[in-house]
Amino acid sequence: MPRQSDINPSFNAAITLDAAGRRTITTAAFVKELAAHNHIWTLKQANRWIEEQQCDFKDISTEEGERRTFMIRNMGRVR
Protein backbone atom coordinates (compact mmCIF):
# COMPACT_ATOMS: atom_id res chain seq x y z
CA MET A 1 0.00 0.00 0.00
CA PRO A 2 1.50 3.36 -0.99
CA ARG A 3 2.12 5.93 1.73
CA GLN A 4 2.34 9.69 1.25
CA SER A 5 5.45 9.69 3.44
CA ASP A 6 7.31 7.67 0.78
CA ILE A 7 7.13 10.37 -1.89
CA ASN A 8 9.86 12.75 -0.62
CA PRO A 9 12.35 9.94 0.12
CA SER A 10 11.71 8.55 -3.37
CA PHE A 11 12.41 11.96 -4.85
CA ASN A 12 15.66 12.29 -2.87
CA ALA A 13 16.78 8.79 -3.85
CA ALA A 14 16.35 9.63 -7.55
CA ILE A 15 18.64 12.68 -7.41
CA THR A 16 22.05 12.19 -9.05
CA LEU A 17 25.15 14.24 -9.74
CA ASP A 18 25.84 14.93 -13.40
CA ALA A 19 29.27 15.30 -15.02
CA ALA A 20 29.39 19.00 -14.13
CA GLY A 21 28.66 18.28 -10.45
CA ARG A 22 25.06 19.53 -10.57
CA ARG A 23 22.31 17.71 -8.70
CA THR A 24 19.75 16.54 -11.25
CA ILE A 25 16.73 14.29 -11.37
CA THR A 26 14.86 12.79 -14.27
CA THR A 27 11.15 12.19 -14.18
CA ALA A 28 11.75 8.57 -15.22
CA ALA A 29 14.10 7.95 -12.27
CA PHE A 30 11.60 9.50 -9.87
CA VAL A 31 8.76 7.32 -11.21
CA LYS A 32 11.00 4.23 -10.85
CA GLU A 33 11.76 5.07 -7.20
CA LEU A 34 8.07 5.67 -6.54
CA ALA A 35 7.19 2.28 -8.04
CA ALA A 36 9.55 0.63 -5.56
CA HIS A 37 7.23 2.02 -2.84
CA ASN A 38 3.99 0.95 -4.59
CA HIS A 39 3.21 4.39 -6.03
CA ILE A 40 2.21 3.96 -9.67
CA TRP A 41 2.54 7.41 -11.20
CA THR A 42 2.68 8.53 -14.78
CA LEU A 43 5.47 10.79 -15.98
CA LYS A 44 2.93 13.61 -16.17
CA GLN A 45 1.92 13.13 -12.52
CA ALA A 46 5.57 13.11 -11.43
CA ASN A 47 6.33 16.28 -13.41
CA ARG A 48 3.37 18.04 -11.84
CA TRP A 49 4.46 17.01 -8.33
CA ILE A 50 8.03 18.23 -8.93
CA GLU A 51 6.79 21.56 -10.31
CA GLU A 52 4.39 22.09 -7.39
CA GLN A 53 6.42 20.70 -4.49
CA GLN A 54 10.07 21.30 -5.39
CA CYS A 55 10.52 25.02 -6.03
CA ASP A 56 14.32 24.67 -5.79
CA PHE A 57 14.45 22.66 -9.03
CA LYS A 58 14.23 24.04 -12.56
CA ASP A 59 13.52 22.26 -15.82
CA ILE A 60 16.63 21.77 -17.98
CA SER A 61 15.14 19.28 -20.42
CA THR A 62 16.56 19.30 -23.93
CA GLU A 63 13.69 17.40 -25.53
CA GLU A 64 9.92 17.87 -25.71
CA GLY A 65 7.61 15.49 -23.89
CA GLU A 66 7.07 14.12 -20.41
CA ARG A 67 10.58 12.65 -19.94
CA ARG A 68 12.06 15.70 -18.32
CA THR A 69 15.22 16.57 -16.41
CA PHE A 70 15.33 18.97 -13.48
CA MET A 71 18.35 20.59 -11.82
CA ILE A 72 18.62 22.20 -8.41
CA ARG A 73 18.88 25.95 -8.72
CA ASN A 74 22.02 27.76 -7.67
CA MET A 75 21.30 28.51 -4.04
CA GLY A 76 23.32 31.71 -3.86
CA ARG A 77 26.74 30.22 -4.47
CA VAL A 78 29.20 32.62 -6.02
CA ARG A 79 31.59 31.23 -8.60
PDB file of N, CA and C in Angstrom:
ATOM      1  N   MET A   1       0.839  -1.175   0.000  1.00  0.00           N
ATOM      2  CA  MET A   1       0.000   0.000   0.000  1.00  0.00           C
ATOM      3  C   MET A   1       0.890   1.247   0.000  1.00  0.00           C
ATOM      4  N   PRO A   2       0.665   2.157  -0.931  1.00  0.00           N
ATOM      5  CA  PRO A   2       1.504   3.364  -0.994  1.00  0.00           C
ATOM      6  C   PRO A   2       1.205   4.312   0.166  1.00  0.00           C
ATOM      7  N   ARG A   3       2.266   4.952   0.650  1.00  0.00           N
ATOM      8  CA  ARG A   3       2.121   5.927   1.733  1.00  0.00           C
ATOM      9  C   ARG A   3       2.626   7.282   1.247  1.00  0.00           C
ATOM     10  N   GLN A   4       1.925   8.341   1.617  1.00  0.00           N
ATOM     11  CA  GLN A   4       2.344   9.693   1.252  1.00  0.00           C
ATOM     12  C   GLN A   4       3.762   9.971   1.732  1.00  0.00           C
ATOM     13  N   SER A   5       4.127   9.423   2.869  1.00  0.00           N
ATOM     14  CA  SER A   5       5.446   9.690   3.440  1.00  0.00           C
ATOM     15  C   SER A   5       6.580   9.086   2.617  1.00  0.00           C
ATOM     16  N   ASP A   6       6.278   8.257   1.630  1.00  0.00           N
ATOM     17  CA  ASP A   6       7.314   7.667   0.778  1.00  0.00           C
ATOM     18  C   ASP A   6       7.681   8.539  -0.420  1.00  0.00           C
ATOM     19  N   ILE A   7       6.907   9.584  -0.679  1.00  0.00           N
ATOM     20  CA  ILE A   7       7.134  10.375  -1.887  1.00  0.00           C
ATOM     21  C   ILE A   7       8.426  11.182  -1.802  1.00  0.00           C
ATOM     22  N   ASN A   8       8.622  11.948  -0.741  1.00  0.00           N
ATOM     23  CA  ASN A   8       9.858  12.746  -0.621  1.00  0.00           C
ATOM     24  C   ASN A   8      11.116  11.882  -0.599  1.00  0.00           C
ATOM     25  N   PRO A   9      11.156  10.791   0.173  1.00  0.00           N
ATOM     26  CA  PRO A   9      12.351   9.944   0.125  1.00  0.00           C
ATOM     27  C   PRO A   9      12.607   9.354  -1.266  1.00  0.00           C
ATOM     28  N   SER A  10      11.543   9.049  -2.001  1.00  0.00           N
ATOM     29  CA  SER A  10      11.708   8.545  -3.368  1.00  0.00           C
ATOM     30  C   SER A  10      12.315   9.617  -4.260  1.00  0.00           C
ATOM     31  N   PHE A  11      11.854  10.841  -4.087  1.00  0.00           N
ATOM     32  CA  PHE A  11      12.411  11.961  -4.851  1.00  0.00           C
ATOM     33  C   PHE A  11      13.900  12.113  -4.542  1.00  0.00           C
ATOM     34  N   ASN A  12      14.254  12.128  -3.270  1.00  0.00           N
ATOM     35  CA  ASN A  12      15.660  12.294  -2.873  1.00  0.00           C
ATOM     36  C   ASN A  12      16.540  11.151  -3.374  1.00  0.00           C
ATOM     37  N   ALA A  13      16.007   9.945  -3.382  1.00  0.00           N
ATOM     38  CA  ALA A  13      16.778   8.790  -3.847  1.00  0.00           C
ATOM     39  C   ALA A  13      17.048   8.847  -5.345  1.00  0.00           C
ATOM     40  N   ALA A  14      16.203   9.549  -6.090  1.00  0.00           N
ATOM     41  CA  ALA A  14      16.354   9.628  -7.546  1.00  0.00           C
ATOM     42  C   ALA A  14      17.310  10.741  -7.987  1.00  0.00           C
ATOM     43  N   ILE A  15      17.736  11.589  -7.071  1.00  0.00           N
ATOM     44  CA  ILE A  15      18.645  12.683  -7.414  1.00  0.00           C
ATOM     45  C   ILE A  15      20.049  12.129  -7.656  1.00  0.00           C
ATOM     46  N   THR A  16      20.682  12.609  -8.724  1.00  0.00           N
ATOM     47  CA  THR A  16      22.045  12.186  -9.050  1.00  0.00           C
ATOM     48  C   THR A  16      22.915  13.414  -9.313  1.00  0.00           C
ATOM     49  N   LEU A  17      24.206  13.192  -9.348  1.00  0.00           N
ATOM     50  CA  LEU A  17      25.154  14.235  -9.740  1.00  0.00           C
ATOM     51  C   LEU A  17      25.518  14.018 -11.195  1.00  0.00           C
ATOM     52  N   ASP A  18      25.451  15.081 -12.001  1.00  0.00           N
ATOM     53  CA  ASP A  18      25.841  14.931 -13.402  1.00  0.00           C
ATOM     54  C   ASP A  18      27.334  15.185 -13.544  1.00  0.00           C
ATOM     55  N   ALA A  19      27.837  15.147 -14.762  1.00  0.00           N
ATOM     56  CA  ALA A  19      29.274  15.299 -15.017  1.00  0.00           C
ATOM     57  C   ALA A  19      29.810  16.654 -14.565  1.00  0.00           C
ATOM     58  N   ALA A  20      28.961  17.661 -14.544  1.00  0.00           N
ATOM     59  CA  ALA A  20      29.386  19.002 -14.127  1.00  0.00           C
ATOM     60  C   ALA A  20      29.243  19.213 -12.618  1.00  0.00           C
ATOM     61  N   GLY A  21      28.807  18.188 -11.899  1.00  0.00           N
ATOM     62  CA  GLY A  21      28.656  18.281 -10.455  1.00  0.00           C
ATOM     63  C   GLY A  21      27.330  18.863 -10.003  1.00  0.00           C
ATOM     64  N   ARG A  22      26.381  18.998 -10.923  1.00  0.00           N
ATOM     65  CA  ARG A  22      25.058  19.525 -10.573  1.00  0.00           C
ATOM     66  C   ARG A  22      24.153  18.400 -10.112  1.00  0.00           C
ATOM     67  N   ARG A  23      23.298  18.689  -9.155  1.00  0.00           N
ATOM     68  CA  ARG A  23      22.306  17.715  -8.696  1.00  0.00           C
ATOM     69  C   ARG A  23      21.122  17.762  -9.649  1.00  0.00           C
ATOM     70  N   THR A  24      20.856  16.625 -10.288  1.00  0.00           N
ATOM     71  CA  THR A  24      19.754  16.543 -11.247  1.00  0.00           C
ATOM     72  C   THR A  24      18.863  15.353 -10.927  1.00  0.00           C
ATOM     73  N   ILE A  25      17.671  15.400 -11.491  1.00  0.00           N
ATOM     74  CA  ILE A  25      16.733  14.292 -11.367  1.00  0.00           C
ATOM     75  C   ILE A  25      15.945  14.202 -12.661  1.00  0.00           C
ATOM     76  N   THR A  26      15.721  12.980 -13.104  1.00  0.00           N
ATOM     77  CA  THR A  26      14.861  12.787 -14.267  1.00  0.00           C
ATOM     78  C   THR A  26      13.502  12.298 -13.776  1.00  0.00           C
ATOM     79  N   THR A  27      12.496  12.635 -14.529  1.00  0.00           N
ATOM     80  CA  THR A  27      11.151  12.186 -14.182  1.00  0.00           C
ATOM     81  C   THR A  27      11.088  10.661 -14.180  1.00  0.00           C
ATOM     82  N   ALA A  28      11.764  10.031 -15.133  1.00  0.00           N
ATOM     83  CA  ALA A  28      11.746   8.571 -15.219  1.00  0.00           C
ATOM     84  C   ALA A  28      12.365   7.931 -13.973  1.00  0.00           C
ATOM     85  N   ALA A  29      13.461   8.492 -13.473  1.00  0.00           N
ATOM     86  CA  ALA A  29      14.103   7.951 -12.273  1.00  0.00           C
ATOM     87  C   ALA A  29      13.205   8.120 -11.051  1.00  0.00           C
ATOM     88  N   PHE A  30      12.526   9.250 -10.971  1.00  0.00           N
ATOM     89  CA  PHE A  30      11.596   9.505  -9.865  1.00  0.00           C
ATOM     90  C   PHE A  30      10.443   8.503  -9.897  1.00  0.00           C
ATOM     91  N   VAL A  31       9.866   8.272 -11.066  1.00  0.00           N
ATOM     92  CA  VAL A  31       8.764   7.317 -11.206  1.00  0.00           C
ATOM     93  C   VAL A  31       9.230   5.910 -10.827  1.00  0.00           C
ATOM     94  N   LYS A  32      10.448   5.556 -11.195  1.00  0.00           N
ATOM     95  CA  LYS A  32      10.998   4.234 -10.848  1.00  0.00           C
ATOM     96  C   LYS A  32      11.134   4.080  -9.337  1.00  0.00           C
ATOM     97  N   GLU A  33      11.638   5.123  -8.665  1.00  0.00           N
ATOM     98  CA  GLU A  33      11.758   5.073  -7.200  1.00  0.00           C
ATOM     99  C   GLU A  33      10.385   4.991  -6.542  1.00  0.00           C
ATOM    100  N   LEU A  34       9.432   5.737  -7.082  1.00  0.00           N
ATOM    101  CA  LEU A  34       8.068   5.671  -6.538  1.00  0.00           C
ATOM    102  C   LEU A  34       7.488   4.269  -6.675  1.00  0.00           C
ATOM    103  N   ALA A  35       7.718   3.629  -7.815  1.00  0.00           N
ATOM    104  CA  ALA A  35       7.190   2.281  -8.042  1.00  0.00           C
ATOM    105  C   ALA A  35       7.739   1.295  -7.023  1.00  0.00           C
ATOM    106  N   ALA A  36       8.958   1.514  -6.574  1.00  0.00           N
ATOM    107  CA  ALA A  36       9.545   0.632  -5.555  1.00  0.00           C
ATOM    108  C   ALA A  36       8.786   0.735  -4.228  1.00  0.00           C
ATOM    109  N   HIS A  37       8.032   1.826  -4.053  1.00  0.00           N
ATOM    110  CA  HIS A  37       7.232   2.022  -2.843  1.00  0.00           C
ATOM    111  C   HIS A  37       5.732   1.933  -3.140  1.00  0.00           C
ATOM    112  N   ASN A  38       5.386   1.226  -4.207  1.00  0.00           N
ATOM    113  CA  ASN A  38       3.993   0.953  -4.588  1.00  0.00           C
ATOM    114  C   ASN A  38       3.199   2.169  -5.053  1.00  0.00           C
ATOM    115  N   HIS A  39       3.882   3.239  -5.428  1.00  0.00           N
ATOM    116  CA  HIS A  39       3.206   4.386  -6.034  1.00  0.00           C
ATOM    117  C   HIS A  39       3.317   4.218  -7.544  1.00  0.00           C
ATOM    118  N   ILE A  40       2.209   4.099  -8.212  1.00  0.00           N
ATOM    119  CA  ILE A  40       2.206   3.957  -9.666  1.00  0.00           C
ATOM    120  C   ILE A  40       1.777   5.300 -10.255  1.00  0.00           C
ATOM    121  N   TRP A  41       2.778   6.091 -10.634  1.00  0.00           N
ATOM    122  CA  TRP A  41       2.537   7.414 -11.196  1.00  0.00           C
ATOM    123  C   TRP A  41       2.938   7.433 -12.654  1.00  0.00           C
ATOM    124  N   THR A  42       2.265   8.282 -13.403  1.00  0.00           N
ATOM    125  CA  THR A  42       2.679   8.531 -14.781  1.00  0.00           C
ATOM    126  C   THR A  42       3.779   9.593 -14.756  1.00  0.00           C
ATOM    127  N   LEU A  43       4.463   9.734 -15.877  1.00  0.00           N
ATOM    128  CA  LEU A  43       5.473  10.789 -15.980  1.00  0.00           C
ATOM    129  C   LEU A  43       4.831  12.160 -15.781  1.00  0.00           C
ATOM    130  N   LYS A  44       3.633  12.329 -16.305  1.00  0.00           N
ATOM    131  CA  LYS A  44       2.925  13.609 -16.169  1.00  0.00           C
ATOM    132  C   LYS A  44       2.636  13.928 -14.700  1.00  0.00           C
ATOM    133  N   GLN A  45       2.190  12.935 -13.938  1.00  0.00           N
ATOM    134  CA  GLN A  45       1.925  13.134 -12.517  1.00  0.00           C
ATOM    135  C   GLN A  45       3.206  13.498 -11.770  1.00  0.00           C
ATOM    136  N   ALA A  46       4.297  12.827 -12.096  1.00  0.00           N
ATOM    137  CA  ALA A  46       5.570  13.106 -11.434  1.00  0.00           C
ATOM    138  C   ALA A  46       6.063  14.518 -11.767  1.00  0.00           C
ATOM    139  N   ASN A  47       5.941  14.919 -13.027  1.00  0.00           N
ATOM    140  CA  ASN A  47       6.334  16.275 -13.407  1.00  0.00           C
ATOM    141  C   ASN A  47       5.528  17.316 -12.645  1.00  0.00           C
ATOM    142  N   ARG A  48       4.233  17.094 -12.554  1.00  0.00           N
ATOM    143  CA  ARG A  48       3.366  18.042 -11.843  1.00  0.00           C
ATOM    144  C   ARG A  48       3.772  18.142 -10.375  1.00  0.00           C
ATOM    145  N   TRP A  49       4.061  16.996  -9.734  1.00  0.00           N
ATOM    146  CA  TRP A  49       4.462  17.011  -8.330  1.00  0.00           C
ATOM    147  C   TRP A  49       5.775  17.774  -8.163  1.00  0.00           C
ATOM    148  N   ILE A  50       6.746  17.525  -9.023  1.00  0.00           N
ATOM    149  CA  ILE A  50       8.028  18.226  -8.933  1.00  0.00           C
ATOM    150  C   ILE A  50       7.810  19.731  -9.085  1.00  0.00           C
ATOM    151  N   GLU A  51       7.030  20.138 -10.077  1.00  0.00           N
ATOM    152  CA  GLU A  51       6.785  21.561 -10.311  1.00  0.00           C
ATOM    153  C   GLU A  51       6.079  22.220  -9.128  1.00  0.00           C
ATOM    154  N   GLU A  52       5.168  21.511  -8.486  1.00  0.00           N
ATOM    155  CA  GLU A  52       4.388  22.087  -7.385  1.00  0.00           C
ATOM    156  C   GLU A  52       5.089  22.001  -6.039  1.00  0.00           C
ATOM    157  N   GLN A  53       5.859  20.942  -5.825  1.00  0.00           N
ATOM    158  CA  GLN A  53       6.416  20.697  -4.492  1.00  0.00           C
ATOM    159  C   GLN A  53       7.912  20.992  -4.346  1.00  0.00           C
ATOM    160  N   GLN A  54       8.616  21.128  -5.444  1.00  0.00           N
ATOM    161  CA  GLN A  54      10.069  21.297  -5.390  1.00  0.00           C
ATOM    162  C   GLN A  54      10.472  22.604  -6.086  1.00  0.00           C
ATOM    163  N   CYS A  55      10.257  23.709  -5.414  1.00  0.00           N
ATOM    164  CA  CYS A  55      10.521  25.016  -6.028  1.00  0.00           C
ATOM    165  C   CYS A  55      12.007  25.280  -6.227  1.00  0.00           C
ATOM    166  N   ASP A  56      12.877  24.481  -5.626  1.00  0.00           N
ATOM    167  CA  ASP A  56      14.325  24.666  -5.788  1.00  0.00           C
ATOM    168  C   ASP A  56      14.869  24.012  -7.052  1.00  0.00           C
ATOM    169  N   PHE A  57      14.021  23.340  -7.816  1.00  0.00           N
ATOM    170  CA  PHE A  57      14.452  22.658  -9.031  1.00  0.00           C
ATOM    171  C   PHE A  57      13.878  23.361 -10.258  1.00  0.00           C
ATOM    172  N   LYS A  58      14.712  23.461 -11.306  1.00  0.00           N
ATOM    173  CA  LYS A  58      14.232  24.043 -12.562  1.00  0.00           C
ATOM    174  C   LYS A  58      14.384  23.022 -13.684  1.00  0.00           C
ATOM    175  N   ASP A  59      13.544  23.168 -14.678  1.00  0.00           N
ATOM    176  CA  ASP A  59      13.516  22.256 -15.818  1.00  0.00           C
ATOM    177  C   ASP A  59      14.678  22.582 -16.753  1.00  0.00           C
ATOM    178  N   ILE A  60      15.525  21.588 -17.035  1.00  0.00           N
ATOM    179  CA  ILE A  60      16.633  21.775 -17.976  1.00  0.00           C
ATOM    180  C   ILE A  60      16.543  20.765 -19.118  1.00  0.00           C
ATOM    181  N   SER A  61      15.354  20.287 -19.380  1.00  0.00           N
ATOM    182  CA  SER A  61      15.142  19.284 -20.422  1.00  0.00           C
ATOM    183  C   SER A  61      15.583  19.812 -21.777  1.00  0.00           C
ATOM    184  N   THR A  62      16.127  18.916 -22.587  1.00  0.00           N
ATOM    185  CA  THR A  62      16.563  19.299 -23.926  1.00  0.00           C
ATOM    186  C   THR A  62      15.615  18.771 -24.999  1.00  0.00           C
ATOM    187  N   GLU A  63      14.645  17.978 -24.598  1.00  0.00           N
ATOM    188  CA  GLU A  63      13.686  17.398 -25.531  1.00  0.00           C
ATOM    189  C   GLU A  63      12.265  17.720 -25.076  1.00  0.00           C
ATOM    190  N   GLU A  64      11.335  17.688 -26.010  1.00  0.00           N
ATOM    191  CA  GLU A  64       9.923  17.870 -25.708  1.00  0.00           C
ATOM    192  C   GLU A  64       9.366  16.571 -25.125  1.00  0.00           C
ATOM    193  N   GLY A  65       8.277  16.671 -24.404  1.00  0.00           N
ATOM    194  CA  GLY A  65       7.611  15.485 -23.893  1.00  0.00           C
ATOM    195  C   GLY A  65       7.643  15.416 -22.380  1.00  0.00           C
ATOM    196  N   GLU A  66       7.194  14.299 -21.857  1.00  0.00           N
ATOM    197  CA  GLU A  66       7.074  14.115 -20.411  1.00  0.00           C
ATOM    198  C   GLU A  66       8.354  13.620 -19.746  1.00  0.00           C
ATOM    199  N   ARG A  67       9.296  13.096 -20.521  1.00  0.00           N
ATOM    200  CA  ARG A  67      10.575  12.647 -19.943  1.00  0.00           C
ATOM    201  C   ARG A  67      11.457  13.874 -19.764  1.00  0.00           C
ATOM    202  N   ARG A  68      11.391  14.435 -18.573  1.00  0.00           N
ATOM    203  CA  ARG A  68      12.063  15.703 -18.320  1.00  0.00           C
ATOM    204  C   ARG A  68      13.211  15.530 -17.339  1.00  0.00           C
ATOM    205  N   THR A  69      14.092  16.525 -17.323  1.00  0.00           N
ATOM    206  CA  THR A  69      15.219  16.569 -16.407  1.00  0.00           C
ATOM    207  C   THR A  69      15.153  17.882 -15.644  1.00  0.00           C
ATOM    208  N   PHE A  70      15.335  17.796 -14.334  1.00  0.00           N
ATOM    209  CA  PHE A  70      15.326  18.972 -13.479  1.00  0.00           C
ATOM    210  C   PHE A  70      16.672  19.088 -12.778  1.00  0.00           C
ATOM    211  N   MET A  71      17.079  20.327 -12.506  1.00  0.00           N
ATOM    212  CA  MET A  71      18.347  20.592 -11.824  1.00  0.00           C
ATOM    213  C   MET A  71      18.062  21.516 -10.646  1.00  0.00           C
ATOM    214  N   ILE A  72      18.789  21.303  -9.545  1.00  0.00           N
ATOM    215  CA  ILE A  72      18.619  22.196  -8.405  1.00  0.00           C
ATOM    216  C   ILE A  72      19.179  23.562  -8.788  1.00  0.00           C
ATOM    217  N   ARG A  73      18.442  24.590  -8.406  1.00  0.00           N
ATOM    218  CA  ARG A  73      18.876  25.954  -8.715  1.00  0.00           C
ATOM    219  C   ARG A  73      20.101  26.318  -7.896  1.00  0.00           C
ATOM    220  N   ASN A  74      20.877  27.245  -8.398  1.00  0.00           N
ATOM    221  CA  ASN A  74      22.023  27.763  -7.667  1.00  0.00           C
ATOM    222  C   ASN A  74      21.494  28.482  -6.432  1.00  0.00           C
ATOM    223  N   MET A  75      21.826  27.962  -5.283  1.00  0.00           N
ATOM    224  CA  MET A  75      21.296  28.505  -4.045  1.00  0.00           C
ATOM    225  C   MET A  75      22.201  29.600  -3.480  1.00  0.00           C
ATOM    226  N   GLY A  76      22.554  30.566  -4.318  1.00  0.00           N
ATOM    227  CA  GLY A  76      23.322  31.712  -3.863  1.00  0.00           C
ATOM    228  C   GLY A  76      24.819  31.514  -3.855  1.00  0.00           C
ATOM    229  N   ARG A  77      25.291  30.421  -4.426  1.00  0.00           N
ATOM    230  CA  ARG A  77      26.744  30.219  -4.472  1.00  0.00           C
ATOM    231  C   ARG A  77      27.347  31.177  -5.480  1.00  0.00           C
ATOM    232  N   VAL A  78      28.481  31.715  -5.124  1.00  0.00           N
ATOM    233  CA  VAL A  78      29.198  32.617  -6.022  1.00  0.00           C
ATOM    234  C   VAL A  78      30.358  31.844  -6.620  1.00  0.00           C
ATOM    235  N   ARG A  79      30.491  31.923  -7.932  1.00  0.00           N
ATOM    236  CA  ARG A  79      31.585  31.226  -8.604  1.00  0.00           C
ATOM    237  C   ARG A  79      32.514  32.217  -9.200  1.00  0.00           C
TER     238      ARG A  79
END
